[in-house]
Amino acid sequence: MNVETPPPLVFRTSKLAKVYRTGEVEVHALRGVDFEARAGEFVVLLGPSGSGKSTFLNIIGGLDRPSSGDAWFQDHDLARSSDAELTVYRRDHVGFVFQFYNLVPSLSARENVRLVTEIARNPMRPEEALDIVGLGDRMDHFPAQLSGGEQQRVAIARAIAKRPEVLLCDEPTGALDSKTGVKVLEALMRVNEAFGATTLVITHNAGIAAIAHRVVRFADGRIHAVEENAGRLRPEEITW
């Protein structure tokens, strides 16, 4: 009998903790988080504001360091990497998508994506990235000429143009209505399926959990529950 070998681990954290200090006050943002994600997974992170989701994403994305514990990307020790090593890690391996699009207003969609392709190791053409997110006919438009959902899809194109192994998304539909949000989620799923990019999506919208392979629920700086979806819905099928 053939036993399928599971995809390789991309992320693993152990006893991950983060404490922010302001004068005498300590805020425990993460309190011992153990987590694993495998290549090609689509994981949704749920939880109330202040539960630690964004802090966790920032640490595994190389934007912040833990106060204690371990965080690994493949064989990269993120907790003990230098600033220079984390910069290379972010540039070569990670695509970020945030709630706010952070596009350069004076550059067209194509030029915004090209900013990333000029520094990446093995980039796709900006036109290809914009085609993947359904904006092949809007690539010469400036951000002010695009809707919010279109701007977010330009941000996704920019994130995927360097062919990252992982795509980290913090509230990518937070500023969008349901119809527009569905288009953004369709773009994220397309990238996950076409390129095998391990995709982690933070959201307050519990309905989005139905499109994930796995749902990780945060509460009070800890992982409160992990659920696997036996069957996944497509974005257009979810109840917003």
Protein backbone atom coordinates (compact mmCIF):
# COMPACT_ATOMS: atom_id res chain seq x y z
CA MET A 1 0.00 0.00 0.00
CA ASN A 2 1.37 3.41 -0.95
CA VAL A 3 1.48 5.91 1.88
CA GLU A 4 1.53 9.48 0.67
CA THR A 5 4.47 11.49 1.94
CA PRO A 6 3.20 14.76 3.42
CA PRO A 7 4.53 17.98 1.87
CA PRO A 8 7.63 19.36 3.59
CA LEU A 9 7.33 21.68 6.55
CA VAL A 10 7.71 25.34 5.64
CA PHE A 11 7.14 26.93 9.06
CA ARG A 12 7.47 25.60 12.58
CA THR A 13 7.42 27.49 15.83
CA SER A 14 7.90 26.24 19.36
CA LYS A 15 7.05 28.06 22.61
CA LEU A 16 7.02 31.31 20.64
CA ALA A 17 6.58 34.31 22.94
CA LYS A 18 6.62 38.06 22.41
CA VAL A 19 6.57 40.70 25.14
CA TYR A 20 6.36 44.41 24.36
CA ARG A 21 7.54 46.76 27.11
CA THR A 22 6.45 50.37 27.48
CA GLY A 23 8.05 51.80 30.61
CA GLU A 24 6.79 49.66 33.48
CA VAL A 25 4.03 48.05 31.41
CA GLU A 26 4.48 44.63 29.79
CA VAL A 27 2.15 43.42 27.04
CA HIS A 28 2.33 39.68 26.36
CA ALA A 29 1.38 39.51 22.68
CA LEU A 30 2.31 35.82 22.25
CA ARG A 31 2.40 33.26 25.05
CA GLY A 32 4.04 30.06 23.84
CA VAL A 33 2.77 29.38 20.32
CA ASP A 34 3.48 25.99 18.70
CA PHE A 35 2.64 25.97 15.00
CA GLU A 36 3.46 24.12 11.79
CA ALA A 37 2.56 24.80 8.15
CA ARG A 38 3.42 22.67 5.15
CA ALA A 39 4.22 23.56 1.57
CA GLY A 40 1.13 24.54 -0.42
CA GLU A 41 -1.21 24.89 2.58
CA PHE A 42 -3.83 27.62 2.72
CA VAL A 43 -4.28 28.55 6.40
CA VAL A 44 -6.72 31.09 7.81
CA LEU A 45 -5.87 32.70 11.18
CA LEU A 46 -8.90 33.85 13.16
CA GLY A 47 -9.20 35.68 16.46
CA PRO A 48 -10.21 38.97 18.06
CA SER A 49 -8.06 42.09 17.94
CA GLY A 50 -5.14 41.75 20.35
CA SER A 51 -5.12 37.95 20.21
CA GLY A 52 -1.61 37.81 18.71
CA LYS A 53 -2.33 37.03 15.04
CA SER A 54 -0.46 39.97 13.50
CA THR A 55 2.48 39.65 15.91
CA PHE A 56 2.76 35.99 14.94
CA LEU A 57 2.63 36.80 11.22
CA ASN A 58 5.25 39.54 11.65
CA ILE A 59 7.65 37.13 13.35
CA ILE A 60 7.38 34.32 10.79
CA GLY A 61 7.59 36.98 8.05
CA GLY A 62 10.90 38.26 9.43
CA LEU A 63 9.50 41.70 10.33
CA ASP A 64 9.93 41.17 14.08
CA ARG A 65 11.73 38.84 16.49
CA PRO A 66 10.33 36.78 19.34
CA SER A 67 11.24 37.49 22.97
CA SER A 68 11.76 33.73 23.43
CA GLY A 69 11.07 30.46 21.70
CA ASP A 70 11.88 29.19 18.21
CA ALA A 71 10.70 30.16 14.74
CA TRP A 72 11.95 28.39 11.64
CA PHE A 73 11.34 28.80 7.93
CA GLN A 74 12.68 25.59 6.35
CA ASP A 75 16.25 25.61 7.71
CA HIS A 76 16.33 29.36 8.47
CA ASP A 77 16.45 30.14 12.20
CA LEU A 78 14.36 33.32 12.18
CA ALA A 79 14.63 33.94 15.92
CA ARG A 80 18.41 34.19 15.77
CA SER A 81 18.98 35.71 12.33
CA SER A 82 20.73 39.04 11.94
CA ASP A 83 18.94 42.05 10.48
CA ALA A 84 20.77 41.49 7.19
CA GLU A 85 19.75 37.81 7.11
CA LEU A 86 16.11 38.70 7.77
CA THR A 87 16.21 41.26 4.96
CA VAL A 88 17.44 38.59 2.53
CA TYR A 89 14.81 36.16 3.85
CA ARG A 90 11.98 38.64 3.27
CA ARG A 91 13.29 39.60 -0.18
CA ASP A 92 13.85 36.07 -1.46
CA HIS A 93 11.11 33.99 0.15
CA VAL A 94 8.13 36.04 1.41
CA GLY A 95 5.31 37.93 -0.28
CA PHE A 96 3.33 40.29 1.97
CA VAL A 97 -0.22 41.55 1.46
CA PHE A 98 -1.65 44.01 4.00
CA GLN A 99 -5.05 45.62 4.55
CA PHE A 100 -3.76 48.87 3.07
CA TYR A 101 -2.33 48.51 -0.39
CA ASN A 102 0.82 50.66 -0.06
CA LEU A 103 1.00 51.35 -3.79
CA VAL A 104 3.10 54.23 -5.12
CA PRO A 105 0.48 56.72 -6.42
CA SER A 106 2.70 58.12 -9.18
CA LEU A 107 3.40 54.68 -10.70
CA SER A 108 1.09 52.58 -12.87
CA ALA A 109 0.01 49.10 -11.78
CA ARG A 110 2.71 47.61 -14.00
CA GLU A 111 5.38 49.93 -12.54
CA ASN A 112 4.30 49.16 -8.97
CA VAL A 113 4.82 45.45 -9.63
CA ARG A 114 8.09 46.08 -11.44
CA LEU A 115 9.53 47.61 -8.24
CA VAL A 116 9.68 44.09 -6.82
CA THR A 117 10.78 42.26 -9.95
CA GLU A 118 13.87 44.45 -10.21
CA ILE A 119 15.28 43.10 -6.91
CA ALA A 120 14.00 39.51 -6.98
CA ARG A 121 16.13 36.46 -7.80
CA ASN A 122 13.79 34.78 -10.27
CA PRO A 123 10.86 37.09 -10.93
CA MET A 124 7.98 36.68 -13.32
CA ARG A 125 7.21 39.52 -15.70
CA PRO A 126 4.96 42.21 -14.15
CA GLU A 127 2.45 41.59 -16.95
CA GLU A 128 2.23 37.89 -16.02
CA ALA A 129 1.63 38.67 -12.34
CA LEU A 130 -1.11 41.16 -13.20
CA ASP A 131 -2.73 38.66 -15.58
CA ILE A 132 -2.86 36.05 -12.78
CA VAL A 133 -4.90 38.41 -10.55
CA GLY A 134 -7.20 39.37 -13.42
CA LEU A 135 -5.81 42.84 -14.18
CA GLY A 136 -4.23 42.28 -17.56
CA ASP A 137 -6.35 45.07 -19.01
CA ARG A 138 -5.65 47.57 -16.20
CA MET A 139 -1.86 47.42 -15.94
CA ASP A 140 -1.25 50.96 -17.25
CA HIS A 141 -3.75 52.53 -14.85
CA PHE A 142 -2.58 54.49 -11.82
CA PRO A 143 -3.84 53.61 -8.30
CA ALA A 144 -6.26 56.58 -8.30
CA GLN A 145 -7.89 55.12 -11.42
CA LEU A 146 -8.45 51.71 -9.76
CA SER A 147 -11.08 50.56 -7.27
CA GLY A 148 -10.06 49.37 -3.81
CA GLY A 149 -10.32 45.75 -4.85
CA GLU A 150 -8.24 46.37 -7.98
CA GLN A 151 -5.58 48.13 -5.92
CA GLN A 152 -5.47 45.16 -3.54
CA ARG A 153 -5.07 42.80 -6.49
CA VAL A 154 -2.15 44.94 -7.72
CA ALA A 155 -0.66 44.49 -4.24
CA ILE A 156 -1.12 40.72 -4.57
CA ALA A 157 0.51 40.79 -8.02
CA ARG A 158 3.42 42.72 -6.53
CA ALA A 159 3.74 40.14 -3.73
CA ILE A 160 3.69 37.10 -6.05
CA ALA A 161 5.87 38.54 -8.84
CA LYS A 162 9.04 37.38 -7.09
CA ARG A 163 7.65 33.81 -6.89
CA PRO A 164 7.72 33.59 -3.08
CA GLU A 165 7.43 30.28 -1.28
CA VAL A 166 5.05 31.88 1.22
CA LEU A 167 2.35 34.54 0.99
CA LEU A 168 1.47 36.27 4.27
CA CYS A 169 -1.74 38.30 4.24
CA ASP A 170 -2.95 40.51 7.11
CA GLU A 171 -6.64 41.42 6.70
CA PRO A 172 -6.41 41.54 2.87
CA THR A 173 -10.19 42.02 2.55
CA GLY A 174 -10.62 44.18 5.65
CA ALA A 175 -11.32 47.40 3.75
CA LEU A 176 -13.45 45.82 1.02
CA ASP A 177 -17.11 45.01 0.47
CA SER A 178 -18.12 41.38 0.00
CA LYS A 179 -18.26 41.36 -3.81
CA THR A 180 -14.81 42.96 -4.08
CA GLY A 181 -13.42 40.80 -1.29
CA VAL A 182 -14.42 37.66 -3.16
CA LYS A 183 -12.32 38.76 -6.15
CA VAL A 184 -9.32 39.28 -3.86
CA LEU A 185 -9.79 35.85 -2.26
CA GLU A 186 -10.09 34.27 -5.73
CA ALA A 187 -6.72 35.83 -6.61
CA LEU A 188 -5.12 34.45 -3.43
CA MET A 189 -6.52 30.95 -4.05
CA ARG A 190 -5.35 31.06 -7.67
CA VAL A 191 -1.80 31.85 -6.54
CA ASN A 192 -1.89 29.16 -3.87
CA GLU A 193 -3.07 26.52 -6.34
CA ALA A 194 -0.99 27.55 -9.35
CA PHE A 195 2.34 28.12 -7.58
CA GLY A 196 2.02 26.12 -4.37
CA ALA A 197 2.77 29.18 -2.26
CA THR A 198 2.03 28.42 1.39
CA THR A 199 -0.61 31.05 2.17
CA LEU A 200 -1.52 32.40 5.62
CA VAL A 201 -4.44 34.82 5.81
CA ILE A 202 -5.41 36.81 8.91
CA THR A 203 -9.05 37.84 8.97
CA HIS A 204 -11.82 38.87 11.37
CA ASN A 205 -14.35 37.41 8.92
CA ALA A 206 -15.15 33.89 10.11
CA GLY A 207 -16.84 33.09 6.78
CA ILE A 208 -13.48 33.17 5.01
CA ALA A 209 -12.36 30.16 7.07
CA ALA A 210 -14.37 27.88 4.76
CA ILE A 211 -11.88 28.34 1.88
CA ALA A 212 -8.87 27.18 3.93
CA HIS A 213 -7.25 23.79 4.31
CA ARG A 214 -6.84 24.59 8.01
CA VAL A 215 -8.19 27.18 10.43
CA VAL A 216 -6.08 28.35 13.39
CA ARG A 217 -7.91 30.26 16.12
CA PHE A 218 -5.94 32.66 18.31
CA ALA A 219 -7.03 33.92 21.73
CA ASP A 220 -5.04 35.81 24.36
CA GLY A 221 -1.68 35.27 22.65
CA ARG A 222 -2.15 31.53 22.26
CA ILE A 223 -3.46 29.12 19.64
CA HIS A 224 -6.85 28.24 21.06
CA ALA A 225 -7.93 25.67 18.44
CA VAL A 226 -6.91 24.19 15.08
CA GLU A 227 -9.51 22.77 12.68
CA GLU A 228 -9.16 21.05 9.32
CA ASN A 229 -11.78 21.61 6.64
CA ALA A 230 -12.94 18.28 5.24
CA GLY A 231 -14.24 20.12 2.17
CA ARG A 232 -13.31 23.61 1.03
CA LEU A 233 -15.61 26.20 -0.48
CA ARG A 234 -14.68 28.49 -3.33
CA PRO A 235 -14.69 32.20 -2.49
CA GLU A 236 -17.93 32.85 -4.37
CA GLU A 237 -19.68 30.19 -2.24
CA ILE A 238 -18.94 31.64 1.19
CA THR A 239 -21.40 33.62 3.28
CA TRP A 240 -19.84 36.99 3.96
